[in-house]
Amino acid sequence: MAGSMKSFDNIKDFQKQLMQSFIDTALEAEMEEHLGYPKHEKADKPNKRNGHTKKRVRSDTGDLEISTPRDRDSSFEPVLVSKHQTRISGLDDKIISSLQA
């Protein structure tokens, strides 16, 4: 994939894909923490996963379409991208600083 990046636009598109993938993965991890069990594991708990909601947010890298997980009793409150948040700024710096720690 990196070998095919011949222009600035390709690099920006790749950066957007990475950011979108990172956010989706982080939101899934938040849901796992909220429910107390990993995805696809059977659990005898009343609250379970209930699909995803697509959402468009603006970031420093451009518009992203993310997939926010839902739970049956609607008690999941994501931290990385809150329910009604439409703008994400400084996320690149937060990711880099968390990787350096």
PDB file of N, CA and C in Angstrom:
ATOM      1  N   MET A   1       0.819  -1.187   0.000  1.00  0.00           N
ATOM      2  CA  MET A   1       0.000   0.000   0.000  1.00  0.00           C
ATOM      3  C   MET A   1       0.863   1.252   0.000  1.00  0.00           C
ATOM      4  N   ALA A   2       1.885   1.296   0.847  1.00  0.00           N
ATOM      5  CA  ALA A   2       2.735   2.481   0.933  1.00  0.00           C
ATOM      6  C   ALA A   2       3.483   2.724  -0.371  1.00  0.00           C
ATOM      7  N   GLY A   3       3.792   1.669  -1.129  1.00  0.00           N
ATOM      8  CA  GLY A   3       4.507   1.816  -2.379  1.00  0.00           C
ATOM      9  C   GLY A   3       3.687   2.499  -3.458  1.00  0.00           C
ATOM     10  N   SER A   4       2.372   2.461  -3.324  1.00  0.00           N
ATOM     11  CA  SER A   4       1.509   3.067  -4.336  1.00  0.00           C
ATOM     12  C   SER A   4       1.216   4.539  -4.065  1.00  0.00           C
ATOM     13  N   MET A   5       1.747   5.082  -2.990  1.00  0.00           N
ATOM     14  CA  MET A   5       1.501   6.494  -2.664  1.00  0.00           C
ATOM     15  C   MET A   5       2.460   7.377  -3.447  1.00  0.00           C
ATOM     16  N   LYS A   6       1.979   7.910  -4.574  1.00  0.00           N
ATOM     17  CA  LYS A   6       2.844   8.699  -5.439  1.00  0.00           C
ATOM     18  C   LYS A   6       2.527  10.184  -5.380  1.00  0.00           C
ATOM     19  N   SER A   7       1.442  10.540  -4.751  1.00  0.00           N
ATOM     20  CA  SER A   7       1.092  11.954  -4.690  1.00  0.00           C
ATOM     21  C   SER A   7       0.634  12.323  -3.288  1.00  0.00           C
ATOM     22  N   PHE A   8       0.554  13.605  -3.067  1.00  0.00           N
ATOM     23  CA  PHE A   8       0.107  14.124  -1.776  1.00  0.00           C
ATOM     24  C   PHE A   8      -1.312  13.656  -1.463  1.00  0.00           C
ATOM     25  N   ASP A   9      -2.180  13.613  -2.495  1.00  0.00           N
ATOM     26  CA  ASP A   9      -3.561  13.167  -2.291  1.00  0.00           C
ATOM     27  C   ASP A   9      -3.609  11.722  -1.817  1.00  0.00           C
ATOM     28  N   ASN A  10      -2.771  10.869  -2.382  1.00  0.00           N
ATOM     29  CA  ASN A  10      -2.729   9.472  -1.952  1.00  0.00           C
ATOM     30  C   ASN A  10      -2.293   9.358  -0.501  1.00  0.00           C
ATOM     31  N   ILE A  11      -1.345  10.170  -0.097  1.00  0.00           N
ATOM     32  CA  ILE A  11      -0.867  10.152   1.289  1.00  0.00           C
ATOM     33  C   ILE A  11      -1.975  10.625   2.219  1.00  0.00           C
ATOM     34  N   LYS A  12      -2.683  11.690   1.830  1.00  0.00           N
ATOM     35  CA  LYS A  12      -3.789  12.195   2.653  1.00  0.00           C
ATOM     36  C   LYS A  12      -4.907  11.155   2.768  1.00  0.00           C
ATOM     37  N   ASP A  13      -5.219  10.480   1.657  1.00  0.00           N
ATOM     38  CA  ASP A  13      -6.246   9.435   1.695  1.00  0.00           C
ATOM     39  C   ASP A  13      -5.828   8.293   2.612  1.00  0.00           C
ATOM     40  N   PHE A  14      -4.570   7.910   2.534  1.00  0.00           N
ATOM     41  CA  PHE A  14      -4.044   6.847   3.391  1.00  0.00           C
ATOM     42  C   PHE A  14      -4.118   7.268   4.858  1.00  0.00           C
ATOM     43  N   GLN A  15      -3.778   8.515   5.131  1.00  0.00           N
ATOM     44  CA  GLN A  15      -3.832   9.033   6.499  1.00  0.00           C
ATOM     45  C   GLN A  15      -5.275   9.020   7.013  1.00  0.00           C
ATOM     46  N   LYS A  16      -6.230   9.393   6.171  1.00  0.00           N
ATOM     47  CA  LYS A  16      -7.639   9.372   6.565  1.00  0.00           C
ATOM     48  C   LYS A  16      -8.102   7.947   6.861  1.00  0.00           C
ATOM     49  N   GLN A  17      -7.685   6.993   6.032  1.00  0.00           N
ATOM     50  CA  GLN A  17      -8.059   5.594   6.256  1.00  0.00           C
ATOM     51  C   GLN A  17      -7.490   5.080   7.574  1.00  0.00           C
ATOM     52  N   LEU A  18      -6.240   5.435   7.851  1.00  0.00           N
ATOM     53  CA  LEU A  18      -5.631   5.027   9.120  1.00  0.00           C
ATOM     54  C   LEU A  18      -6.366   5.634  10.310  1.00  0.00           C
ATOM     55  N   MET A  19      -6.702   6.913  10.214  1.00  0.00           N
ATOM     56  CA  MET A  19      -7.403   7.598  11.296  1.00  0.00           C
ATOM     57  C   MET A  19      -8.778   6.975  11.521  1.00  0.00           C
ATOM     58  N   GLN A  20      -9.484   6.724  10.442  1.00  0.00           N
ATOM     59  CA  GLN A  20     -10.810   6.124  10.542  1.00  0.00           C
ATOM     60  C   GLN A  20     -10.725   4.736  11.173  1.00  0.00           C
ATOM     61  N   SER A  21      -9.763   3.947  10.758  1.00  0.00           N
ATOM     62  CA  SER A  21      -9.570   2.609  11.318  1.00  0.00           C
ATOM     63  C   SER A  21      -9.208   2.672  12.796  1.00  0.00           C
ATOM     64  N   PHE A  22      -8.342   3.612  13.157  1.00  0.00           N
ATOM     65  CA  PHE A  22      -7.946   3.779  14.557  1.00  0.00           C
ATOM     66  C   PHE A  22      -9.156   4.131  15.419  1.00  0.00           C
ATOM     67  N   ILE A  23      -9.967   5.074  14.959  1.00  0.00           N
ATOM     68  CA  ILE A  23     -11.134   5.504  15.729  1.00  0.00           C
ATOM     69  C   ILE A  23     -12.124   4.355  15.888  1.00  0.00           C
ATOM     70  N   ASP A  24     -12.408   3.642  14.800  1.00  0.00           N
ATOM     71  CA  ASP A  24     -13.341   2.514  14.872  1.00  0.00           C
ATOM     72  C   ASP A  24     -12.851   1.452  15.854  1.00  0.00           C
ATOM     73  N   THR A  25     -11.558   1.148  15.812  1.00  0.00           N
ATOM     74  CA  THR A  25     -10.979   0.158  16.723  1.00  0.00           C
ATOM     75  C   THR A  25     -11.046   0.633  18.168  1.00  0.00           C
ATOM     76  N   ALA A  26     -10.751   1.902  18.391  1.00  0.00           N
ATOM     77  CA  ALA A  26     -10.799   2.460  19.747  1.00  0.00           C
ATOM     78  C   ALA A  26     -12.225   2.458  20.292  1.00  0.00           C
ATOM     79  N   LEU A  27     -13.207   2.772  19.448  1.00  0.00           N
ATOM     80  CA  LEU A  27     -14.601   2.754  19.888  1.00  0.00           C
ATOM     81  C   LEU A  27     -15.048   1.334  20.234  1.00  0.00           C
ATOM     82  N   GLU A  28     -14.590   0.355  19.462  1.00  0.00           N
ATOM     83  CA  GLU A  28     -14.897  -1.048  19.780  1.00  0.00           C
ATOM     84  C   GLU A  28     -14.289  -1.437  21.129  1.00  0.00           C
ATOM     85  N   ALA A  29     -13.072  -0.962  21.392  1.00  0.00           N
ATOM     86  CA  ALA A  29     -12.426  -1.246  22.681  1.00  0.00           C
ATOM     87  C   ALA A  29     -13.190  -0.588  23.830  1.00  0.00           C
ATOM     88  N   GLU A  30     -13.689   0.622  23.602  1.00  0.00           N
ATOM     89  CA  GLU A  30     -14.502   1.294  24.620  1.00  0.00           C
ATOM     90  C   GLU A  30     -15.772   0.491  24.907  1.00  0.00           C
ATOM     91  N   MET A  31     -16.410  -0.030  23.856  1.00  0.00           N
ATOM     92  CA  MET A  31     -17.628  -0.827  24.046  1.00  0.00           C
ATOM     93  C   MET A  31     -17.318  -2.107  24.811  1.00  0.00           C
ATOM     94  N   GLU A  32     -16.206  -2.743  24.479  1.00  0.00           N
ATOM     95  CA  GLU A  32     -15.796  -3.959  25.184  1.00  0.00           C
ATOM     96  C   GLU A  32     -15.601  -3.672  26.671  1.00  0.00           C
ATOM     97  N   GLU A  33     -14.973  -2.562  26.976  1.00  0.00           N
ATOM     98  CA  GLU A  33     -14.760  -2.161  28.372  1.00  0.00           C
ATOM     99  C   GLU A  33     -16.102  -1.872  29.053  1.00  0.00           C
ATOM    100  N   HIS A  34     -16.993  -1.221  28.345  1.00  0.00           N
ATOM    101  CA  HIS A  34     -18.311  -0.873  28.886  1.00  0.00           C
ATOM    102  C   HIS A  34     -19.130  -2.128  29.218  1.00  0.00           C
ATOM    103  N   LEU A  35     -19.148  -3.088  28.286  1.00  0.00           N
ATOM    104  CA  LEU A  35     -19.952  -4.293  28.486  1.00  0.00           C
ATOM    105  C   LEU A  35     -19.282  -5.303  29.412  1.00  0.00           C
ATOM    106  N   GLY A  36     -17.950  -5.285  29.437  1.00  0.00           N
ATOM    107  CA  GLY A  36     -17.229  -6.210  30.305  1.00  0.00           C
ATOM    108  C   GLY A  36     -16.912  -7.549  29.677  1.00  0.00           C
ATOM    109  N   TYR A  37     -17.091  -7.654  28.365  1.00  0.00           N
ATOM    110  CA  TYR A  37     -16.728  -8.889  27.668  1.00  0.00           C
ATOM    111  C   TYR A  37     -16.430  -8.568  26.203  1.00  0.00           C
ATOM    112  N   PRO A  38     -15.561  -9.372  25.570  1.00  0.00           N
ATOM    113  CA  PRO A  38     -15.176  -9.097  24.180  1.00  0.00           C
ATOM    114  C   PRO A  38     -16.289  -9.431  23.178  1.00  0.00           C
ATOM    115  N   LYS A  39     -16.171  -8.859  22.008  1.00  0.00           N
ATOM    116  CA  LYS A  39     -17.113  -9.104  20.920  1.00  0.00           C
ATOM    117  C   LYS A  39     -17.121 -10.592  20.577  1.00  0.00           C
ATOM    118  N   HIS A  40     -18.271 -11.118  20.237  1.00  0.00           N
ATOM    119  CA  HIS A  40     -18.496 -12.514  19.848  1.00  0.00           C
ATOM    120  C   HIS A  40     -18.400 -13.497  21.016  1.00  0.00           C
ATOM    121  N   GLU A  41     -18.227 -13.005  22.230  1.00  0.00           N
ATOM    122  CA  GLU A  41     -18.213 -13.904  23.381  1.00  0.00           C
ATOM    123  C   GLU A  41     -19.607 -13.913  23.991  1.00  0.00           C
ATOM    124  N   LYS A  42     -20.105 -15.107  24.302  1.00  0.00           N
ATOM    125  CA  LYS A  42     -21.423 -15.202  24.925  1.00  0.00           C
ATOM    126  C   LYS A  42     -21.320 -14.756  26.368  1.00  0.00           C
ATOM    127  N   ALA A  43     -22.293 -13.977  26.786  1.00  0.00           N
ATOM    128  CA  ALA A  43     -22.308 -13.481  28.161  1.00  0.00           C
ATOM    129  C   ALA A  43     -23.745 -13.485  28.668  1.00  0.00           C
ATOM    130  N   ASP A  44     -23.903 -13.812  29.925  1.00  0.00           N
ATOM    131  CA  ASP A  44     -25.232 -13.814  30.547  1.00  0.00           C
ATOM    132  C   ASP A  44     -25.502 -12.472  31.209  1.00  0.00           C
ATOM    133  N   LYS A  45     -25.346 -11.436  30.451  1.00  0.00           N
ATOM    134  CA  LYS A  45     -25.577 -10.086  30.957  1.00  0.00           C
ATOM    135  C   LYS A  45     -26.750  -9.486  30.190  1.00  0.00           C
ATOM    136  N   PRO A  46     -27.519  -8.634  30.848  1.00  0.00           N
ATOM    137  CA  PRO A  46     -28.708  -8.085  30.175  1.00  0.00           C
ATOM    138  C   PRO A  46     -28.389  -7.136  29.020  1.00  0.00           C
ATOM    139  N   ASN A  47     -27.289  -6.415  29.106  1.00  0.00           N
ATOM    140  CA  ASN A  47     -26.941  -5.459  28.063  1.00  0.00           C
ATOM    141  C   ASN A  47     -26.010  -6.122  27.056  1.00  0.00           C
ATOM    142  N   LYS A  48     -26.327  -5.985  25.792  1.00  0.00           N
ATOM    143  CA  LYS A  48     -25.529  -6.598  24.726  1.00  0.00           C
ATOM    144  C   LYS A  48     -25.304  -5.580  23.613  1.00  0.00           C
ATOM    145  N   ARG A  49     -24.425  -5.931  22.703  1.00  0.00           N
ATOM    146  CA  ARG A  49     -24.185  -5.095  21.526  1.00  0.00           C
ATOM    147  C   ARG A  49     -25.454  -5.032  20.680  1.00  0.00           C
ATOM    148  N   ASN A  50     -25.620  -3.920  19.986  1.00  0.00           N
ATOM    149  CA  ASN A  50     -26.810  -3.739  19.162  1.00  0.00           C
ATOM    150  C   ASN A  50     -26.461  -2.991  17.877  1.00  0.00           C
ATOM    151  N   GLY A  51     -25.465  -3.485  17.167  1.00  0.00           N
ATOM    152  CA  GLY A  51     -25.094  -2.896  15.891  1.00  0.00           C
ATOM    153  C   GLY A  51     -24.232  -1.651  16.019  1.00  0.00           C
ATOM    154  N   HIS A  52     -24.247  -0.857  14.955  1.00  0.00           N
ATOM    155  CA  HIS A  52     -23.424   0.351  14.870  1.00  0.00           C
ATOM    156  C   HIS A  52     -24.236   1.493  14.277  1.00  0.00           C
ATOM    157  N   THR A  53     -23.783   2.691  14.534  1.00  0.00           N
ATOM    158  CA  THR A  53     -24.346   3.889  13.925  1.00  0.00           C
ATOM    159  C   THR A  53     -23.240   4.576  13.138  1.00  0.00           C
ATOM    160  N   LYS A  54     -23.503   4.845  11.869  1.00  0.00           N
ATOM    161  CA  LYS A  54     -22.539   5.578  11.044  1.00  0.00           C
ATOM    162  C   LYS A  54     -22.623   7.057  11.390  1.00  0.00           C
ATOM    163  N   LYS A  55     -21.476   7.698  11.392  1.00  0.00           N
ATOM    164  CA  LYS A  55     -21.418   9.106  11.771  1.00  0.00           C
ATOM    165  C   LYS A  55     -20.291   9.777  10.999  1.00  0.00           C
ATOM    166  N   ARG A  56     -20.541  10.971  10.508  1.00  0.00           N
ATOM    167  CA  ARG A  56     -19.507  11.730   9.803  1.00  0.00           C
ATOM    168  C   ARG A  56     -18.978  12.806  10.743  1.00  0.00           C
ATOM    169  N   VAL A  57     -17.663  12.826  10.905  1.00  0.00           N
ATOM    170  CA  VAL A  57     -17.018  13.836  11.749  1.00  0.00           C
ATOM    171  C   VAL A  57     -15.925  14.532  10.948  1.00  0.00           C
ATOM    172  N   ARG A  58     -15.660  15.764  11.312  1.00  0.00           N
ATOM    173  CA  ARG A  58     -14.574  16.526  10.683  1.00  0.00           C
ATOM    174  C   ARG A  58     -13.341  16.402  11.557  1.00  0.00           C
ATOM    175  N   SER A  59     -12.216  16.121  10.918  1.00  0.00           N
ATOM    176  CA  SER A  59     -10.956  16.004  11.647  1.00  0.00           C
ATOM    177  C   SER A  59      -9.896  16.847  10.961  1.00  0.00           C
ATOM    178  N   ASP A  60      -8.719  16.873  11.552  1.00  0.00           N
ATOM    179  CA  ASP A  60      -7.603  17.608  10.952  1.00  0.00           C
ATOM    180  C   ASP A  60      -7.204  17.008   9.606  1.00  0.00           C
ATOM    181  N   THR A  61      -7.513  15.734   9.392  1.00  0.00           N
ATOM    182  CA  THR A  61      -7.157  15.063   8.143  1.00  0.00           C
ATOM    183  C   THR A  61      -8.287  15.086   7.119  1.00  0.00           C
ATOM    184  N   GLY A  62      -9.442  15.651   7.480  1.00  0.00           N
ATOM    185  CA  GLY A  62     -10.584  15.719   6.574  1.00  0.00           C
ATOM    186  C   GLY A  62     -11.805  15.044   7.184  1.00  0.00           C
ATOM    187  N   ASP A  63     -12.863  14.929   6.396  1.00  0.00           N
ATOM    188  CA  ASP A  63     -14.085  14.290   6.873  1.00  0.00           C
ATOM    189  C   ASP A  63     -13.887  12.781   6.964  1.00  0.00           C
ATOM    190  N   LEU A  64     -14.360  12.208   8.071  1.00  0.00           N
ATOM    191  CA  LEU A  64     -14.259  10.771   8.299  1.00  0.00           C
ATOM    192  C   LEU A  64     -15.646  10.212   8.556  1.00  0.00           C
ATOM    193  N   GLU A  65     -15.910   9.020   8.054  1.00  0.00           N
ATOM    194  CA  GLU A  65     -17.149   8.332   8.403  1.00  0.00           C
ATOM    195  C   GLU A  65     -16.785   7.209   9.357  1.00  0.00           C
ATOM    196  N   ILE A  66     -17.204   7.363  10.600  1.00  0.00           N
ATOM    197  CA  ILE A  66     -16.866   6.373  11.617  1.00  0.00           C
ATOM    198  C   ILE A  66     -18.103   5.546  11.953  1.00  0.00           C
ATOM    199  N   SER A  67     -17.863   4.413  12.578  1.00  0.00           N
ATOM    200  CA  SER A  67     -18.921   3.489  12.937  1.00  0.00           C
ATOM    201  C   SER A  67     -18.924   3.330  14.455  1.00  0.00           C
ATOM    202  N   THR A  68     -19.897   3.949  15.116  1.00  0.00           N
ATOM    203  CA  THR A  68     -19.970   3.919  16.570  1.00  0.00           C
ATOM    204  C   THR A  68     -20.823   2.740  17.019  1.00  0.00           C
ATOM    205  N   PRO A  69     -20.278   1.870  17.874  1.00  0.00           N
ATOM    206  CA  PRO A  69     -21.073   0.735  18.356  1.00  0.00           C
ATOM    207  C   PRO A  69     -22.211   1.197  19.267  1.00  0.00           C
ATOM    208  N   ARG A  70     -23.296   0.412  19.271  1.00  0.00           N
ATOM    209  CA  ARG A  70     -24.443   0.691  20.134  1.00  0.00           C
ATOM    210  C   ARG A  70     -24.670  -0.500  21.060  1.00  0.00           C
ATOM    211  N   ASP A  71     -25.306  -0.230  22.186  1.00  0.00           N
ATOM    212  CA  ASP A  71     -25.723  -1.309  23.075  1.00  0.00           C
ATOM    213  C   ASP A  71     -27.238  -1.250  23.234  1.00  0.00           C
ATOM    214  N   ARG A  72     -27.822  -2.346  23.686  1.00  0.00           N
ATOM    215  CA  ARG A  72     -29.286  -2.460  23.727  1.00  0.00           C
ATOM    216  C   ARG A  72     -29.950  -1.458  24.656  1.00  0.00           C
ATOM    217  N   ASP A  73     -29.335  -1.167  25.797  1.00  0.00           N
ATOM    218  CA  ASP A  73     -30.001  -0.237  26.714  1.00  0.00           C
ATOM    219  C   ASP A  73     -29.521   1.210  26.568  1.00  0.00           C
ATOM    220  N   SER A  74     -28.768   1.482  25.523  1.00  0.00           N
ATOM    221  CA  SER A  74     -28.304   2.846  25.188  1.00  0.00           C
ATOM    222  C   SER A  74     -27.530   3.521  26.308  1.00  0.00           C
ATOM    223  N   SER A  75     -26.808   2.744  27.094  1.00  0.00           N
ATOM    224  CA  SER A  75     -26.022   3.323  28.188  1.00  0.00           C
ATOM    225  C   SER A  75     -24.575   3.595  27.787  1.00  0.00           C
ATOM    226  N   PHE A  76     -24.180   3.166  26.585  1.00  0.00           N
ATOM    227  CA  PHE A  76     -22.805   3.372  26.130  1.00  0.00           C
ATOM    228  C   PHE A  76     -22.591   4.831  25.759  1.00  0.00           C
ATOM    229  N   GLU A  77     -21.637   5.461  26.423  1.00  0.00           N
ATOM    230  CA  GLU A  77     -21.252   6.849  26.151  1.00  0.00           C
ATOM    231  C   GLU A  77     -19.782   6.864  25.741  1.00  0.00           C
ATOM    232  N   PRO A  78     -19.490   6.860  24.437  1.00  0.00           N
ATOM    233  CA  PRO A  78     -18.095   6.843  24.000  1.00  0.00           C
ATOM    234  C   PRO A  78     -17.326   8.073  24.473  1.00  0.00           C
ATOM    235  N   VAL A  79     -16.058   7.867  24.779  1.00  0.00           N
ATOM    236  CA  VAL A  79     -15.208   8.950  25.274  1.00  0.00           C
ATOM    237  C   VAL A  79     -14.438   9.601  24.126  1.00  0.00           C
ATOM    238  N   LEU A  80     -13.871   8.790  23.248  1.00  0.00           N
ATOM    239  CA  LEU A  80     -13.039   9.317  22.161  1.00  0.00           C
ATOM    240  C   LEU A  80     -13.831  10.264  21.259  1.00  0.00           C
ATOM    241  N   VAL A  81     -15.005   9.837  20.838  1.00  0.00           N
ATOM    242  CA  VAL A  81     -15.899  10.659  20.019  1.00  0.00           C
ATOM    243  C   VAL A  81     -17.279  10.540  20.661  1.00  0.00           C
ATOM    244  N   SER A  82     -17.706  11.577  21.366  1.00  0.00           N
ATOM    245  CA  SER A  82     -18.979  11.503  22.079  1.00  0.00           C
ATOM    246  C   SER A  82     -20.158  11.456  21.108  1.00  0.00           C
ATOM    247  N   LYS A  83     -21.317  11.141  21.623  1.00  0.00           N
ATOM    248  CA  LYS A  83     -22.490  10.884  20.787  1.00  0.00           C
ATOM    249  C   LYS A  83     -22.840  12.013  19.821  1.00  0.00           C
ATOM    250  N   HIS A  84     -22.797  13.244  20.246  1.00  0.00           N
ATOM    251  CA  HIS A  84     -23.211  14.348  19.376  1.00  0.00           C
ATOM    252  C   HIS A  84     -22.040  15.183  18.864  1.00  0.00           C
ATOM    253  N   GLN A  85     -20.841  14.684  19.036  1.00  0.00           N
ATOM    254  CA  GLN A  85     -19.646  15.398  18.591  1.00  0.00           C
ATOM    255  C   GLN A  85     -19.517  15.300  17.075  1.00  0.00           C
ATOM    256  N   THR A  86     -19.237  16.428  16.428  1.00  0.00           N
ATOM    257  CA  THR A  86     -19.095  16.440  14.972  1.00  0.00           C
ATOM    258  C   THR A  86     -17.707  16.890  14.532  1.00  0.00           C
ATOM    259  N   ARG A  87     -16.885  17.301  15.458  1.00  0.00           N
ATOM    260  CA  ARG A  87     -15.535  17.784  15.128  1.00  0.00           C
ATOM    261  C   ARG A  87     -14.528  17.128  16.052  1.00  0.00           C
ATOM    262  N   ILE A  88     -13.455  16.617  15.467  1.00  0.00           N
ATOM    263  CA  ILE A  88     -12.351  16.039  16.227  1.00  0.00           C
ATOM    264  C   ILE A  88     -11.113  16.833  15.867  1.00  0.00           C
ATOM    265  N   SER A  89     -10.516  17.496  16.832  1.00  0.00           N
ATOM    266  CA  SER A  89      -9.295  18.241  16.536  1.00  0.00           C
ATOM    267  C   SER A  89      -8.185  17.781  17.467  1.00  0.00           C
ATOM    268  N   GLY A  90      -6.980  17.794  16.958  1.00  0.00           N
ATOM    269  CA  GLY A  90      -5.823  17.417  17.754  1.00  0.00           C
ATOM    270  C   GLY A  90      -5.694  15.929  17.994  1.00  0.00           C
ATOM    271  N   LEU A  91      -6.499  15.124  17.305  1.00  0.00           N
ATOM    272  CA  LEU A  91      -6.453  13.682  17.524  1.00  0.00           C
ATOM    273  C   LEU A  91      -5.125  13.090  17.066  1.00  0.00           C
ATOM    274  N   ASP A  92      -4.570  13.621  15.984  1.00  0.00           N
ATOM    275  CA  ASP A  92      -3.268  13.142  15.505  1.00  0.00           C
ATOM    276  C   ASP A  92      -2.217  13.268  16.600  1.00  0.00           C
ATOM    277  N   ASP A  93      -2.171  14.424  17.250  1.00  0.00           N
ATOM    278  CA  ASP A  93      -1.187  14.661  18.309  1.00  0.00           C
ATOM    279  C   ASP A  93      -1.420  13.742  19.504  1.00  0.00           C
ATOM    280  N   LYS A  94      -2.694  13.507  19.846  1.00  0.00           N
ATOM    281  CA  LYS A  94      -3.013  12.621  20.970  1.00  0.00           C
ATOM    282  C   LYS A  94      -2.561  11.195  20.691  1.00  0.00           C
ATOM    283  N   ILE A  95      -2.762  10.736  19.460  1.00  0.00           N
ATOM    284  CA  ILE A  95      -2.358   9.375  19.094  1.00  0.00           C
ATOM    285  C   ILE A  95      -0.845   9.246  19.158  1.00  0.00           C
ATOM    286  N   ILE A  96      -0.138  10.201  18.579  1.00  0.00           N
ATOM    287  CA  ILE A  96       1.328  10.154  18.578  1.00  0.00           C
ATOM    288  C   ILE A  96       1.873  10.196  19.990  1.00  0.00           C
ATOM    289  N   SER A  97       1.321  11.067  20.841  1.00  0.00           N
ATOM    290  CA  SER A  97       1.822  11.158  22.216  1.00  0.00           C
ATOM    291  C   SER A  97       1.514   9.892  23.006  1.00  0.00           C
ATOM    292  N   SER A  98       0.383   9.238  22.730  1.00  0.00           N
ATOM    293  CA  SER A  98       0.070   8.002  23.446  1.00  0.00           C
ATOM    294  C   SER A  98       0.996   6.869  23.012  1.00  0.00           C
ATOM    295  N   LEU A  99       1.439   6.888  21.768  1.00  0.00           N
ATOM    296  CA  LEU A  99       2.359   5.858  21.291  1.00  0.00           C
ATOM    297  C   LEU A  99       3.765   6.053  21.847  1.00  0.00           C
ATOM    298  N   GLN A 100       4.117   7.290  22.166  1.00  0.00           N
ATOM    299  CA  GLN A 100       5.448   7.575  22.695  1.00  0.00           C
ATOM    300  C   GLN A 100       5.545   7.289  24.186  1.00  0.00           C
ATOM    301  N   ALA A 101       4.419   7.216  24.865  1.00  0.00           N
ATOM    302  CA  ALA A 101       4.417   7.009  26.326  1.00  0.00           C
ATOM    303  C   ALA A 101       4.781   5.599  26.712  1.00  0.00           C
TER     304      ALA A 101
END
